[in-house]
Amino acid sequence: MISNATRSLSVTDHLRESILSGGLPAGTKLQEVRLSEELGVSRTPIRAALQTLSAAGLLDYAPNRGYVVREFPISELVDAYEIRGALEGLAARFTAERGLGDNQRLVIGQSLTKGRDILTASDLMNDHVLAIIGETNASFHDTIMEASLNRLLSQMAQMSFQIPRVSNRNIIAFSLDELRQRHDEHYLIYEALLARSATKAETLMRDHVASIKFAAVRALRETR
């Protein structure tokens, strides 16, 4: 039998991903009864998940109004990207200094090849392209963070992803040409890691995240 705690974690992960991916946009009211029916669970894990996400800063709560998906001002998004750039830059530096393991090189190599193949073969942006690039992008960044062998750094970086449009899995703000440019930047970062060039790897990663910030903020301003 699945415990309420396990159900709560599953519901929390589902709702968090929906918020970060834009499936639940800012201002959406989350009602316990409706979510319970939609997800096929009791209200207990729903309530626990909403409380967890509120504590994480993704939901606002008001008496008699309930939980609402929080809207983040552009200034907070910029701050989150800048924090992410600093932390991922450090991760790239540590990884270059310590070196990539055989399996980590394999994972990054596969993600680069898979991303290159889909971007080369595609002429139009669609859900399939977004899904593949989202997967390979996450694999690239997550592997470098893992290879840094710094648990505290990894935990702090995850906090910077707790804002919609900041997660490294959310790439919908970019055009196909921008995705190709971001992917080319991945190759440069990987080459610096293989060369064990710590300063270069850190600088390239910081610049990479900065380019993502500019594109995402531009796209966000165009939709507001």
N, C-alpha and C. Protein backbone atom coordinates (compact mmCIF):
# COMPACT_ATOMS: atom_id res chain seq x y z
N MET A 1 0.85 -1.20 0.00
CA MET A 1 0.00 0.00 0.00
C MET A 1 0.88 1.25 0.00
N ILE A 2 0.53 2.23 -0.84
CA ILE A 2 1.29 3.48 -0.92
C ILE A 2 0.88 4.40 0.23
N SER A 3 1.85 4.88 1.00
CA SER A 3 1.57 5.72 2.15
C SER A 3 1.18 7.13 1.70
N ASN A 4 0.55 7.86 2.63
CA ASN A 4 0.19 9.25 2.33
C ASN A 4 1.43 10.09 2.06
N ALA A 5 2.55 9.77 2.77
CA ALA A 5 3.78 10.52 2.57
C ALA A 5 4.30 10.33 1.15
N THR A 6 4.24 9.09 0.65
CA THR A 6 4.68 8.81 -0.72
C THR A 6 3.79 9.51 -1.73
N ARG A 7 2.48 9.45 -1.49
CA ARG A 7 1.55 10.14 -2.39
C ARG A 7 1.82 11.64 -2.39
N SER A 8 2.10 12.18 -1.22
CA SER A 8 2.35 13.61 -1.11
C SER A 8 3.57 14.01 -1.92
N LEU A 9 4.64 13.21 -1.85
CA LEU A 9 5.85 13.51 -2.62
C LEU A 9 5.56 13.46 -4.11
N SER A 10 4.77 12.48 -4.55
CA SER A 10 4.43 12.35 -5.96
C SER A 10 3.61 13.54 -6.44
N VAL A 11 2.64 13.93 -5.65
CA VAL A 11 1.80 15.08 -5.99
C VAL A 11 2.62 16.35 -6.00
N THR A 12 3.50 16.51 -5.02
CA THR A 12 4.35 17.69 -4.96
C THR A 12 5.22 17.81 -6.19
N ASP A 13 5.86 16.70 -6.59
CA ASP A 13 6.71 16.71 -7.78
C ASP A 13 5.91 17.06 -9.03
N HIS A 14 4.71 16.50 -9.13
CA HIS A 14 3.86 16.75 -10.30
C HIS A 14 3.47 18.23 -10.38
N LEU A 15 3.04 18.78 -9.27
CA LEU A 15 2.61 20.18 -9.27
C LEU A 15 3.80 21.13 -9.47
N ARG A 16 4.93 20.79 -8.86
CA ARG A 16 6.12 21.63 -9.03
C ARG A 16 6.52 21.68 -10.51
N GLU A 17 6.55 20.53 -11.16
CA GLU A 17 6.93 20.49 -12.57
C GLU A 17 5.93 21.26 -13.42
N SER A 18 4.65 21.17 -13.08
CA SER A 18 3.62 21.90 -13.83
C SER A 18 3.80 23.40 -13.70
N ILE A 19 4.20 23.85 -12.51
CA ILE A 19 4.42 25.28 -12.29
C ILE A 19 5.68 25.75 -13.03
N LEU A 20 6.77 25.00 -12.87
CA LEU A 20 8.03 25.40 -13.48
C LEU A 20 7.98 25.37 -15.00
N SER A 21 7.18 24.46 -15.56
CA SER A 21 7.11 24.33 -17.01
C SER A 21 6.11 25.31 -17.62
N GLY A 22 5.33 25.98 -16.77
CA GLY A 22 4.33 26.91 -17.29
C GLY A 22 2.97 26.28 -17.50
N GLY A 23 2.84 24.98 -17.18
CA GLY A 23 1.55 24.31 -17.31
C GLY A 23 0.52 24.90 -16.38
N LEU A 24 0.97 25.39 -15.23
CA LEU A 24 0.11 26.12 -14.29
C LEU A 24 0.66 27.54 -14.21
N PRO A 25 0.14 28.45 -15.02
CA PRO A 25 0.67 29.82 -15.07
C PRO A 25 0.38 30.62 -13.81
N ALA A 26 1.11 31.71 -13.66
CA ALA A 26 0.93 32.61 -12.52
C ALA A 26 -0.52 33.05 -12.42
N GLY A 27 -1.03 33.07 -11.19
CA GLY A 27 -2.41 33.49 -10.96
C GLY A 27 -3.40 32.35 -10.92
N THR A 28 -2.96 31.14 -11.28
CA THR A 28 -3.86 29.98 -11.26
C THR A 28 -4.21 29.60 -9.83
N LYS A 29 -5.49 29.47 -9.54
CA LYS A 29 -5.93 29.07 -8.20
C LYS A 29 -5.96 27.56 -8.12
N LEU A 30 -5.33 27.01 -7.09
CA LEU A 30 -5.25 25.56 -6.92
C LEU A 30 -6.22 25.13 -5.82
N GLN A 31 -7.26 24.41 -6.22
CA GLN A 31 -8.29 23.98 -5.29
C GLN A 31 -8.10 22.51 -4.92
N GLU A 32 -8.16 22.22 -3.64
CA GLU A 32 -7.91 20.87 -3.16
C GLU A 32 -8.86 19.85 -3.79
N VAL A 33 -10.13 20.16 -3.82
CA VAL A 33 -11.12 19.21 -4.32
C VAL A 33 -10.88 18.91 -5.80
N ARG A 34 -10.65 19.94 -6.60
CA ARG A 34 -10.44 19.74 -8.03
C ARG A 34 -9.16 18.95 -8.29
N LEU A 35 -8.07 19.30 -7.59
CA LEU A 35 -6.81 18.59 -7.77
C LEU A 35 -6.94 17.14 -7.33
N SER A 36 -7.69 16.91 -6.26
CA SER A 36 -7.90 15.55 -5.77
C SER A 36 -8.59 14.70 -6.83
N GLU A 37 -9.57 15.27 -7.50
CA GLU A 37 -10.29 14.56 -8.56
C GLU A 37 -9.40 14.34 -9.79
N GLU A 38 -8.66 15.38 -10.16
CA GLU A 38 -7.82 15.29 -11.36
C GLU A 38 -6.68 14.29 -11.20
N LEU A 39 -6.09 14.24 -10.01
CA LEU A 39 -4.93 13.39 -9.78
C LEU A 39 -5.28 12.04 -9.18
N GLY A 40 -6.53 11.87 -8.80
CA GLY A 40 -6.97 10.57 -8.28
C GLY A 40 -6.40 10.22 -6.93
N VAL A 41 -6.21 11.22 -6.08
CA VAL A 41 -5.71 10.98 -4.72
C VAL A 41 -6.62 11.70 -3.74
N SER A 42 -6.45 11.38 -2.46
CA SER A 42 -7.26 12.04 -1.45
C SER A 42 -6.79 13.47 -1.24
N ARG A 43 -7.53 14.22 -0.46
CA ARG A 43 -7.17 15.62 -0.23
C ARG A 43 -5.97 15.77 0.70
N THR A 44 -5.65 14.72 1.46
CA THR A 44 -4.54 14.81 2.41
C THR A 44 -3.20 15.05 1.72
N PRO A 45 -2.80 14.24 0.71
CA PRO A 45 -1.54 14.53 0.02
C PRO A 45 -1.58 15.82 -0.79
N ILE A 46 -2.77 16.19 -1.27
CA ILE A 46 -2.91 17.46 -1.99
C ILE A 46 -2.60 18.61 -1.06
N ARG A 47 -3.18 18.56 0.13
CA ARG A 47 -2.98 19.63 1.11
C ARG A 47 -1.51 19.73 1.51
N ALA A 48 -0.88 18.58 1.72
CA ALA A 48 0.53 18.57 2.10
C ALA A 48 1.41 19.14 0.99
N ALA A 49 1.08 18.79 -0.26
CA ALA A 49 1.86 19.28 -1.41
C ALA A 49 1.72 20.79 -1.55
N LEU A 50 0.52 21.32 -1.38
CA LEU A 50 0.30 22.76 -1.49
C LEU A 50 1.07 23.51 -0.40
N GLN A 51 1.09 22.95 0.79
CA GLN A 51 1.83 23.58 1.88
C GLN A 51 3.34 23.59 1.59
N THR A 52 3.83 22.48 1.03
CA THR A 52 5.26 22.37 0.71
C THR A 52 5.64 23.38 -0.37
N LEU A 53 4.83 23.50 -1.41
CA LEU A 53 5.13 24.41 -2.51
C LEU A 53 4.98 25.86 -2.09
N SER A 54 4.09 26.11 -1.15
CA SER A 54 3.95 27.46 -0.62
C SER A 54 5.19 27.84 0.18
N ALA A 55 5.69 26.89 0.99
CA ALA A 55 6.90 27.14 1.78
C ALA A 55 8.10 27.35 0.87
N ALA A 56 8.09 26.71 -0.32
CA ALA A 56 9.19 26.85 -1.27
C ALA A 56 9.10 28.15 -2.06
N GLY A 57 8.00 28.87 -1.90
CA GLY A 57 7.87 30.16 -2.56
C GLY A 57 7.22 30.12 -3.93
N LEU A 58 6.68 28.96 -4.32
CA LEU A 58 6.04 28.86 -5.64
C LEU A 58 4.56 29.20 -5.60
N LEU A 59 3.96 29.16 -4.42
CA LEU A 59 2.54 29.48 -4.27
C LEU A 59 2.36 30.57 -3.23
N ASP A 60 1.33 31.39 -3.43
CA ASP A 60 0.91 32.37 -2.43
C ASP A 60 -0.35 31.82 -1.76
N TYR A 61 -0.47 32.08 -0.46
CA TYR A 61 -1.65 31.64 0.26
C TYR A 61 -2.32 32.82 0.93
N ALA A 62 -3.63 32.86 0.82
CA ALA A 62 -4.40 33.91 1.49
C ALA A 62 -5.66 33.28 2.08
N PRO A 63 -6.00 33.62 3.33
CA PRO A 63 -7.22 33.08 3.94
C PRO A 63 -8.44 33.37 3.08
N ASN A 64 -9.32 32.40 2.98
CA ASN A 64 -10.57 32.50 2.21
C ASN A 64 -10.34 32.55 0.69
N ARG A 65 -9.07 32.52 0.27
CA ARG A 65 -8.77 32.51 -1.15
C ARG A 65 -8.02 31.24 -1.54
N GLY A 66 -7.25 30.73 -0.60
CA GLY A 66 -6.53 29.50 -0.87
C GLY A 66 -5.17 29.74 -1.51
N TYR A 67 -4.71 28.73 -2.24
CA TYR A 67 -3.38 28.79 -2.87
C TYR A 67 -3.47 29.25 -4.33
N VAL A 68 -2.56 30.13 -4.69
CA VAL A 68 -2.50 30.66 -6.04
C VAL A 68 -1.04 30.61 -6.51
N VAL A 69 -0.84 30.21 -7.76
CA VAL A 69 0.51 30.17 -8.31
C VAL A 69 1.09 31.58 -8.30
N ARG A 70 2.25 31.71 -7.70
CA ARG A 70 2.87 33.02 -7.52
C ARG A 70 3.38 33.60 -8.83
N GLU A 71 3.24 34.90 -8.98
CA GLU A 71 3.81 35.59 -10.13
C GLU A 71 5.14 36.22 -9.71
N PHE A 72 6.18 35.94 -10.48
CA PHE A 72 7.50 36.48 -10.16
C PHE A 72 7.80 37.69 -11.02
N PRO A 73 8.18 38.80 -10.41
CA PRO A 73 8.56 39.98 -11.21
C PRO A 73 9.85 39.68 -11.97
N ILE A 74 10.05 40.40 -13.06
CA ILE A 74 11.23 40.18 -13.88
C ILE A 74 12.51 40.35 -13.07
N SER A 75 12.51 41.27 -12.10
CA SER A 75 13.71 41.50 -11.30
C SER A 75 14.13 40.24 -10.55
N GLU A 76 13.16 39.46 -10.07
CA GLU A 76 13.49 38.23 -9.35
C GLU A 76 14.01 37.16 -10.31
N LEU A 77 13.47 37.14 -11.52
CA LEU A 77 13.96 36.19 -12.51
C LEU A 77 15.42 36.50 -12.86
N VAL A 78 15.72 37.78 -13.02
CA VAL A 78 17.10 38.19 -13.32
C VAL A 78 18.02 37.78 -12.18
N ASP A 79 17.58 38.03 -10.95
CA ASP A 79 18.39 37.66 -9.79
C ASP A 79 18.66 36.15 -9.77
N ALA A 80 17.62 35.36 -10.07
CA ALA A 80 17.77 33.91 -10.05
C ALA A 80 18.76 33.44 -11.10
N TYR A 81 18.69 34.03 -12.29
CA TYR A 81 19.63 33.66 -13.34
C TYR A 81 21.06 34.03 -12.95
N GLU A 82 21.24 35.18 -12.33
CA GLU A 82 22.59 35.60 -11.96
C GLU A 82 23.16 34.70 -10.87
N ILE A 83 22.31 34.29 -9.95
CA ILE A 83 22.74 33.35 -8.92
C ILE A 83 23.10 32.01 -9.56
N ARG A 84 22.23 31.58 -10.47
CA ARG A 84 22.49 30.32 -11.16
C ARG A 84 23.81 30.38 -11.93
N GLY A 85 24.07 31.50 -12.60
CA GLY A 85 25.30 31.62 -13.37
C GLY A 85 26.53 31.51 -12.50
N ALA A 86 26.48 32.15 -11.33
CA ALA A 86 27.62 32.08 -10.41
C ALA A 86 27.83 30.66 -9.91
N LEU A 87 26.73 30.00 -9.53
CA LEU A 87 26.85 28.65 -8.97
C LEU A 87 27.25 27.62 -10.02
N GLU A 88 26.65 27.70 -11.20
CA GLU A 88 27.02 26.75 -12.25
C GLU A 88 28.42 27.03 -12.78
N GLY A 89 28.83 28.29 -12.73
CA GLY A 89 30.20 28.61 -13.10
C GLY A 89 31.18 27.94 -12.16
N LEU A 90 30.87 27.98 -10.86
CA LEU A 90 31.72 27.31 -9.88
C LEU A 90 31.73 25.80 -10.10
N ALA A 91 30.57 25.26 -10.42
CA ALA A 91 30.48 23.81 -10.68
C ALA A 91 31.37 23.43 -11.85
N ALA A 92 31.37 24.25 -12.90
CA ALA A 92 32.21 23.97 -14.06
C ALA A 92 33.69 24.06 -13.67
N ARG A 93 34.05 25.04 -12.85
CA ARG A 93 35.43 25.18 -12.39
C ARG A 93 35.87 23.94 -11.60
N PHE A 94 35.04 23.52 -10.64
CA PHE A 94 35.38 22.36 -9.82
C PHE A 94 35.48 21.10 -10.67
N THR A 95 34.57 20.97 -11.64
CA THR A 95 34.58 19.79 -12.50
C THR A 95 35.84 19.75 -13.35
N ALA A 96 36.24 20.91 -13.87
CA ALA A 96 37.47 20.97 -14.66
C ALA A 96 38.68 20.63 -13.80
N GLU A 97 38.69 21.10 -12.58
CA GLU A 97 39.82 20.83 -11.69
C GLU A 97 39.90 19.36 -11.31
N ARG A 98 38.75 18.72 -11.09
CA ARG A 98 38.72 17.34 -10.62
C ARG A 98 38.65 16.33 -11.76
N GLY A 99 38.18 16.80 -12.90
CA GLY A 99 38.10 15.92 -14.06
C GLY A 99 36.80 15.15 -14.13
N LEU A 100 36.34 14.89 -15.34
CA LEU A 100 35.12 14.12 -15.57
C LEU A 100 35.44 12.63 -15.52
N GLY A 101 34.54 11.86 -14.92
CA GLY A 101 34.68 10.42 -14.92
C GLY A 101 34.28 9.85 -16.27
N ASP A 102 34.61 8.59 -16.51
CA ASP A 102 34.29 7.97 -17.80
C ASP A 102 32.80 8.00 -18.09
N ASN A 103 31.98 7.67 -17.10
CA ASN A 103 30.53 7.66 -17.32
C ASN A 103 30.00 9.07 -17.54
N GLN A 104 30.57 10.04 -16.86
CA GLN A 104 30.12 11.43 -17.04
C GLN A 104 30.47 11.93 -18.43
N ARG A 105 31.64 11.57 -18.93
CA ARG A 105 31.99 11.95 -20.30
C ARG A 105 31.05 11.29 -21.29
N LEU A 106 30.68 10.04 -21.01
CA LEU A 106 29.75 9.32 -21.89
C LEU A 106 28.39 10.01 -21.91
N VAL A 107 27.87 10.36 -20.74
CA VAL A 107 26.55 10.99 -20.64
C VAL A 107 26.54 12.33 -21.37
N ILE A 108 27.56 13.16 -21.12
CA ILE A 108 27.62 14.46 -21.78
C ILE A 108 27.77 14.29 -23.29
N GLY A 109 28.63 13.37 -23.70
CA GLY A 109 28.82 13.14 -25.14
C GLY A 109 27.53 12.72 -25.81
N GLN A 110 26.77 11.85 -25.16
CA GLN A 110 25.49 11.40 -25.72
C GLN A 110 24.48 12.53 -25.79
N SER A 111 24.47 13.38 -24.77
CA SER A 111 23.52 14.50 -24.77
C SER A 111 23.86 15.49 -25.88
N LEU A 112 25.15 15.73 -26.10
CA LEU A 112 25.57 16.65 -27.16
C LEU A 112 25.21 16.09 -28.54
N THR A 113 25.44 14.81 -28.73
CA THR A 113 25.13 14.19 -30.02
C THR A 113 23.63 14.18 -30.28
N LYS A 114 22.86 13.82 -29.28
CA LYS A 114 21.40 13.77 -29.43
C LYS A 114 20.84 15.15 -29.72
N GLY A 115 21.35 16.15 -29.02
CA GLY A 115 20.89 17.52 -29.25
C GLY A 115 21.27 18.01 -30.63
N ARG A 116 22.50 17.73 -31.04
CA ARG A 116 22.96 18.14 -32.37
C ARG A 116 22.12 17.52 -33.46
N ASP A 117 21.81 16.23 -33.32
CA ASP A 117 21.04 15.52 -34.34
C ASP A 117 19.64 16.10 -34.51
N ILE A 118 18.95 16.40 -33.39
CA ILE A 118 17.59 16.90 -33.50
C ILE A 118 17.58 18.33 -34.02
N LEU A 119 18.57 19.13 -33.64
CA LEU A 119 18.63 20.52 -34.10
C LEU A 119 19.04 20.61 -35.56
N THR A 120 19.84 19.66 -36.02
CA THR A 120 20.25 19.63 -37.43
C THR A 120 19.11 19.18 -38.32
N ALA A 121 18.32 18.24 -37.82
CA ALA A 121 17.24 17.66 -38.63
C ALA A 121 15.97 18.49 -38.63
N SER A 122 15.84 19.43 -37.70
CA SER A 122 14.58 20.18 -37.54
C SER A 122 14.65 21.55 -38.18
N ASP A 123 13.57 21.90 -38.88
CA ASP A 123 13.44 23.23 -39.48
C ASP A 123 12.45 24.10 -38.72
N LEU A 124 11.58 23.45 -37.94
CA LEU A 124 10.55 24.17 -37.21
C LEU A 124 10.55 23.75 -35.74
N MET A 125 10.23 24.70 -34.87
CA MET A 125 10.10 24.42 -33.45
C MET A 125 8.80 23.65 -33.22
N ASN A 126 8.86 22.58 -32.47
CA ASN A 126 7.66 21.83 -32.12
C ASN A 126 7.88 21.15 -30.78
N ASP A 127 6.82 20.48 -30.27
CA ASP A 127 6.90 19.86 -28.95
C ASP A 127 7.96 18.77 -28.90
N HIS A 128 8.15 18.06 -30.01
CA HIS A 128 9.15 16.98 -30.03
C HIS A 128 10.56 17.56 -29.87
N VAL A 129 10.86 18.63 -30.58
CA VAL A 129 12.17 19.27 -30.47
C VAL A 129 12.38 19.78 -29.05
N LEU A 130 11.36 20.44 -28.50
CA LEU A 130 11.47 20.98 -27.15
C LEU A 130 11.72 19.88 -26.12
N ALA A 131 11.04 18.75 -26.29
CA ALA A 131 11.20 17.64 -25.34
C ALA A 131 12.61 17.08 -25.38
N ILE A 132 13.13 16.87 -26.58
CA ILE A 132 14.48 16.32 -26.72
C ILE A 132 15.53 17.29 -26.19
N ILE A 133 15.41 18.55 -26.57
CA ILE A 133 16.39 19.54 -26.12
C ILE A 133 16.30 19.75 -24.61
N GLY A 134 15.09 19.73 -24.07
CA GLY A 134 14.93 19.85 -22.63
C GLY A 134 15.64 18.71 -21.91
N GLU A 135 15.50 17.51 -22.45
CA GLU A 135 16.12 16.32 -21.86
C GLU A 135 17.65 16.40 -21.93
N THR A 136 18.17 16.74 -23.11
CA THR A 136 19.63 16.79 -23.28
C THR A 136 20.24 17.95 -22.50
N ASN A 137 19.52 19.06 -22.43
CA ASN A 137 19.99 20.22 -21.69
C ASN A 137 20.12 19.89 -20.20
N ALA A 138 19.09 19.25 -19.67
CA ALA A 138 19.11 18.86 -18.26
C ALA A 138 20.23 17.88 -17.98
N SER A 139 20.44 16.94 -18.89
CA SER A 139 21.49 15.94 -18.72
C SER A 139 22.87 16.61 -18.68
N PHE A 140 23.09 17.57 -19.57
CA PHE A 140 24.37 18.27 -19.64
C PHE A 140 24.65 19.02 -18.34
N HIS A 141 23.71 19.86 -17.92
CA HIS A 141 23.93 20.68 -16.73
C HIS A 141 23.97 19.83 -15.45
N ASP A 142 23.08 18.86 -15.35
CA ASP A 142 23.04 18.02 -14.15
C ASP A 142 24.32 17.22 -13.99
N THR A 143 24.87 16.74 -15.10
CA THR A 143 26.09 15.93 -15.03
C THR A 143 27.28 16.76 -14.57
N ILE A 144 27.37 17.99 -15.06
CA ILE A 144 28.46 18.87 -14.62
C ILE A 144 28.33 19.19 -13.14
N MET A 145 27.11 19.44 -12.70
CA MET A 145 26.89 19.71 -11.28
C MET A 145 27.28 18.50 -10.45
N GLU A 146 26.90 17.32 -10.90
CA GLU A 146 27.24 16.07 -10.20
C GLU A 146 28.75 15.87 -10.14
N ALA A 147 29.42 16.16 -11.26
CA ALA A 147 30.86 15.96 -11.35
C ALA A 147 31.65 16.95 -10.49
N SER A 148 31.01 18.03 -10.07
CA SER A 148 31.70 19.02 -9.24
C SER A 148 31.99 18.47 -7.84
N LEU A 149 31.25 17.41 -7.48
CA LEU A 149 31.44 16.75 -6.18
C LEU A 149 31.27 17.71 -5.01
N ASN A 150 30.32 18.62 -5.15
CA ASN A 150 30.06 19.60 -4.11
C ASN A 150 28.56 19.60 -3.80
N ARG A 151 28.19 18.88 -2.77
CA ARG A 151 26.78 18.71 -2.44
C ARG A 151 26.10 20.03 -2.08
N LEU A 152 26.77 20.86 -1.31
CA LEU A 152 26.19 22.15 -0.91
C LEU A 152 25.94 23.02 -2.14
N LEU A 153 26.88 23.04 -3.05
CA LEU A 153 26.73 23.82 -4.28
C LEU A 153 25.53 23.34 -5.07
N SER A 154 25.38 22.02 -5.16
CA SER A 154 24.26 21.45 -5.88
C SER A 154 22.93 21.83 -5.25
N GLN A 155 22.86 21.79 -3.92
CA GLN A 155 21.63 22.15 -3.22
C GLN A 155 21.29 23.62 -3.42
N MET A 156 22.29 24.48 -3.38
CA MET A 156 22.06 25.91 -3.58
C MET A 156 21.61 26.19 -5.02
N ALA A 157 22.18 25.47 -5.98
CA ALA A 157 21.80 25.66 -7.38
C ALA A 157 20.34 25.27 -7.59
N GLN A 158 19.92 24.19 -6.94
CA GLN A 158 18.53 23.75 -7.09
C GLN A 158 17.56 24.83 -6.62
N MET A 159 17.94 25.60 -5.63
CA MET A 159 17.08 26.67 -5.15
C MET A 159 16.85 27.72 -6.23
N SER A 160 17.88 27.97 -7.05
CA SER A 160 17.74 28.98 -8.09
C SER A 160 16.84 28.49 -9.23
N PHE A 161 16.56 27.18 -9.24
CA PHE A 161 15.67 26.64 -10.27
C PHE A 161 14.21 26.68 -9.83
N GLN A 162 13.96 27.09 -8.59
CA GLN A 162 12.59 27.08 -8.07
C GLN A 162 11.81 28.32 -8.48
N ILE A 163 12.08 28.79 -9.67
CA ILE A 163 11.34 29.92 -10.22
C ILE A 163 11.01 29.60 -11.67
N PRO A 164 9.76 29.73 -12.08
CA PRO A 164 9.40 29.44 -13.48
C PRO A 164 10.28 30.21 -14.45
N ARG A 165 10.59 29.56 -15.57
CA ARG A 165 11.42 30.11 -16.64
C ARG A 165 12.89 30.18 -16.26
N VAL A 166 13.26 29.62 -15.10
CA VAL A 166 14.66 29.58 -14.71
C VAL A 166 15.20 28.16 -14.80
N SER A 167 14.32 27.18 -14.60
CA SER A 167 14.77 25.78 -14.66
C SER A 167 15.48 25.49 -15.96
N ASN A 168 16.59 24.70 -15.86
CA ASN A 168 17.32 24.35 -17.09
C ASN A 168 16.52 23.43 -18.00
N ARG A 169 15.36 22.99 -17.52
CA ARG A 169 14.49 22.17 -18.36
C ARG A 169 13.49 23.01 -19.14
N ASN A 170 13.40 24.28 -18.82
CA ASN A 170 12.41 25.15 -19.46
C ASN A 170 13.08 25.97 -20.55
N ILE A 171 12.92 25.52 -21.81
CA ILE A 171 13.62 26.18 -22.91
C ILE A 171 12.61 26.71 -23.96
N ILE A 172 11.34 26.82 -23.56
CA ILE A 172 10.32 27.22 -24.52
C ILE A 172 10.47 28.68 -24.94
N ALA A 173 11.23 29.48 -24.18
CA ALA A 173 11.37 30.90 -24.50
C ALA A 173 12.25 31.15 -25.70
N PHE A 174 12.95 30.12 -26.21
CA PHE A 174 13.95 30.33 -27.23
C PHE A 174 13.49 29.91 -28.62
N SER A 175 14.04 30.58 -29.63
CA SER A 175 13.80 30.19 -31.02
C SER A 175 14.73 29.04 -31.36
N LEU A 176 14.51 28.44 -32.54
CA LEU A 176 15.35 27.33 -32.96
C LEU A 176 16.80 27.76 -33.12
N ASP A 177 17.02 28.94 -33.69
CA ASP A 177 18.39 29.45 -33.85
C ASP A 177 19.05 29.68 -32.50
N GLU A 178 18.27 30.17 -31.53
CA GLU A 178 18.83 30.38 -30.19
C GLU A 178 19.18 29.06 -29.53
N LEU A 179 18.36 28.04 -29.75
CA LEU A 179 18.66 26.73 -29.20
C LEU A 179 19.96 26.18 -29.79
N ARG A 180 20.15 26.41 -31.08
CA ARG A 180 21.39 25.96 -31.72
C ARG A 180 22.60 26.69 -31.12
N GLN A 181 22.45 27.97 -30.87
CA GLN A 181 23.54 28.74 -30.27
C GLN A 181 23.85 28.23 -28.87
N ARG A 182 22.81 27.99 -28.05
CA ARG A 182 23.01 27.46 -26.71
C ARG A 182 23.72 26.12 -26.77
N HIS A 183 23.33 25.30 -27.75
CA HIS A 183 23.94 23.97 -27.87
C HIS A 183 25.41 24.08 -28.27
N ASP A 184 25.73 25.01 -29.14
CA ASP A 184 27.13 25.24 -29.52
C ASP A 184 27.95 25.66 -28.29
N GLU A 185 27.33 26.43 -27.41
CA GLU A 185 28.01 26.83 -26.18
C GLU A 185 28.31 25.63 -25.29
N HIS A 186 27.42 24.64 -25.31
CA HIS A 186 27.66 23.41 -24.55
C HIS A 186 28.94 22.73 -25.02
N TYR A 187 29.14 22.70 -26.33
CA TYR A 187 30.36 22.08 -26.88
C TYR A 187 31.61 22.79 -26.37
N LEU A 188 31.58 24.12 -26.35
CA LEU A 188 32.74 24.89 -25.90
C LEU A 188 33.02 24.63 -24.42
N ILE A 189 31.97 24.57 -23.63
CA ILE A 189 32.14 24.28 -22.21
C ILE A 189 32.73 22.89 -22.02
N TYR A 190 32.23 21.92 -22.78
CA TYR A 190 32.72 20.54 -22.68
C TYR A 190 34.20 20.45 -23.04
N GLU A 191 34.59 21.16 -24.08
CA GLU A 191 36.00 21.17 -24.49
C GLU A 191 36.88 21.73 -23.38
N ALA A 192 36.40 22.77 -22.70
CA ALA A 192 37.18 23.35 -21.61
C ALA A 192 37.29 22.38 -20.44
N LEU A 193 36.22 21.65 -20.19
CA LEU A 193 36.25 20.65 -19.11
C LEU A 193 37.24 19.54 -19.43
N LEU A 194 37.23 19.07 -20.66
CA LEU A 194 38.15 18.00 -21.06
C LEU A 194 39.60 18.47 -20.99
N ALA A 195 39.81 19.76 -21.29
CA ALA A 195 41.16 20.32 -21.26
C ALA A 195 41.61 20.65 -19.83
N ARG A 196 40.69 20.48 -18.87
CA ARG A 196 40.96 20.77 -17.46
C ARG A 196 41.31 22.24 -17.26
N SER A 197 40.69 23.10 -18.10
CA SER A 197 40.91 24.54 -18.02
C SER A 197 39.83 25.16 -17.13
N ALA A 198 40.11 25.25 -15.85
CA ALA A 198 39.10 25.65 -14.86
C ALA A 198 38.57 27.07 -15.09
N THR A 199 39.47 28.02 -15.29
CA THR A 199 39.04 29.41 -15.48
C THR A 199 38.19 29.57 -16.73
N LYS A 200 38.61 28.93 -17.81
CA LYS A 200 37.86 29.02 -19.05
C LYS A 200 36.49 28.36 -18.92
N ALA A 201 36.45 27.21 -18.27
CA ALA A 201 35.18 26.51 -18.09
C ALA A 201 34.20 27.34 -17.27
N GLU A 202 34.71 27.97 -16.21
CA GLU A 202 33.85 28.81 -15.38
C GLU A 202 33.33 30.01 -16.17
N THR A 203 34.21 30.67 -16.90
CA THR A 203 33.81 31.85 -17.67
C THR A 203 32.78 31.50 -18.74
N LEU A 204 33.02 30.41 -19.45
CA LEU A 204 32.08 29.98 -20.50
C LEU A 204 30.72 29.63 -19.92
N MET A 205 30.70 28.96 -18.76
CA MET A 205 29.43 28.60 -18.15
C MET A 205 28.68 29.84 -17.69
N ARG A 206 29.38 30.78 -17.09
CA ARG A 206 28.74 32.03 -16.66
C ARG A 206 28.15 32.78 -17.86
N ASP A 207 28.92 32.85 -18.94
CA ASP A 207 28.44 33.53 -20.15
C ASP A 207 27.24 32.79 -20.75
N HIS A 208 27.28 31.48 -20.68
CA HIS A 208 26.19 30.65 -21.21
C HIS A 208 24.89 30.94 -20.47
N VAL A 209 24.94 30.95 -19.15
CA VAL A 209 23.75 31.23 -18.35
C VAL A 209 23.28 32.67 -18.56
N ALA A 210 24.22 33.59 -18.73
CA ALA A 210 23.86 34.99 -18.98
C ALA A 210 23.11 35.12 -20.30
N SER A 211 23.52 34.36 -21.31
CA SER A 211 22.83 34.43 -22.60
C SER A 211 21.42 33.87 -22.49
N ILE A 212 21.25 32.86 -21.65
CA ILE A 212 19.92 32.32 -21.40
C ILE A 212 19.06 33.36 -20.71
N LYS A 213 19.65 34.05 -19.74
CA LYS A 213 18.93 35.09 -19.01
C LYS A 213 18.40 36.17 -19.95
N PHE A 214 19.26 36.67 -20.82
CA PHE A 214 18.85 37.74 -21.73
C PHE A 214 17.71 37.29 -22.64
N ALA A 215 17.80 36.07 -23.17
CA ALA A 215 16.77 35.57 -24.08
C ALA A 215 15.46 35.34 -23.35
N ALA A 216 15.53 34.77 -22.15
CA ALA A 216 14.31 34.48 -21.39
C ALA A 216 13.62 35.75 -20.93
N VAL A 217 14.39 36.71 -20.44
CA VAL A 217 13.80 37.98 -19.99
C VAL A 217 13.18 38.73 -21.15
N ARG A 218 13.85 38.72 -22.31
CA ARG A 218 13.30 39.37 -23.51
C ARG A 218 11.96 38.73 -23.87
N ALA A 219 11.92 37.40 -23.88
CA ALA A 219 10.70 36.70 -24.25
C ALA A 219 9.59 36.98 -23.23
N LEU A 220 9.96 37.05 -21.96
CA LEU A 220 8.97 37.31 -20.92
C LEU A 220 8.40 38.71 -21.05
N ARG A 221 9.24 39.69 -21.35
CA ARG A 221 8.75 41.05 -21.53
C ARG A 221 7.81 41.16 -22.72
N GLU A 222 8.07 40.36 -23.73
CA GLU A 222 7.22 40.41 -24.93
C GLU A 222 5.84 39.83 -24.68
N THR A 223 5.72 38.97 -23.63
CA THR A 223 4.44 38.34 -23.36
C THR A 223 3.67 39.04 -22.25
N ARG A 224 4.25 40.07 -21.65
CA ARG A 224 3.57 40.77 -20.55
C ARG A 224 3.01 42.10 -21.03
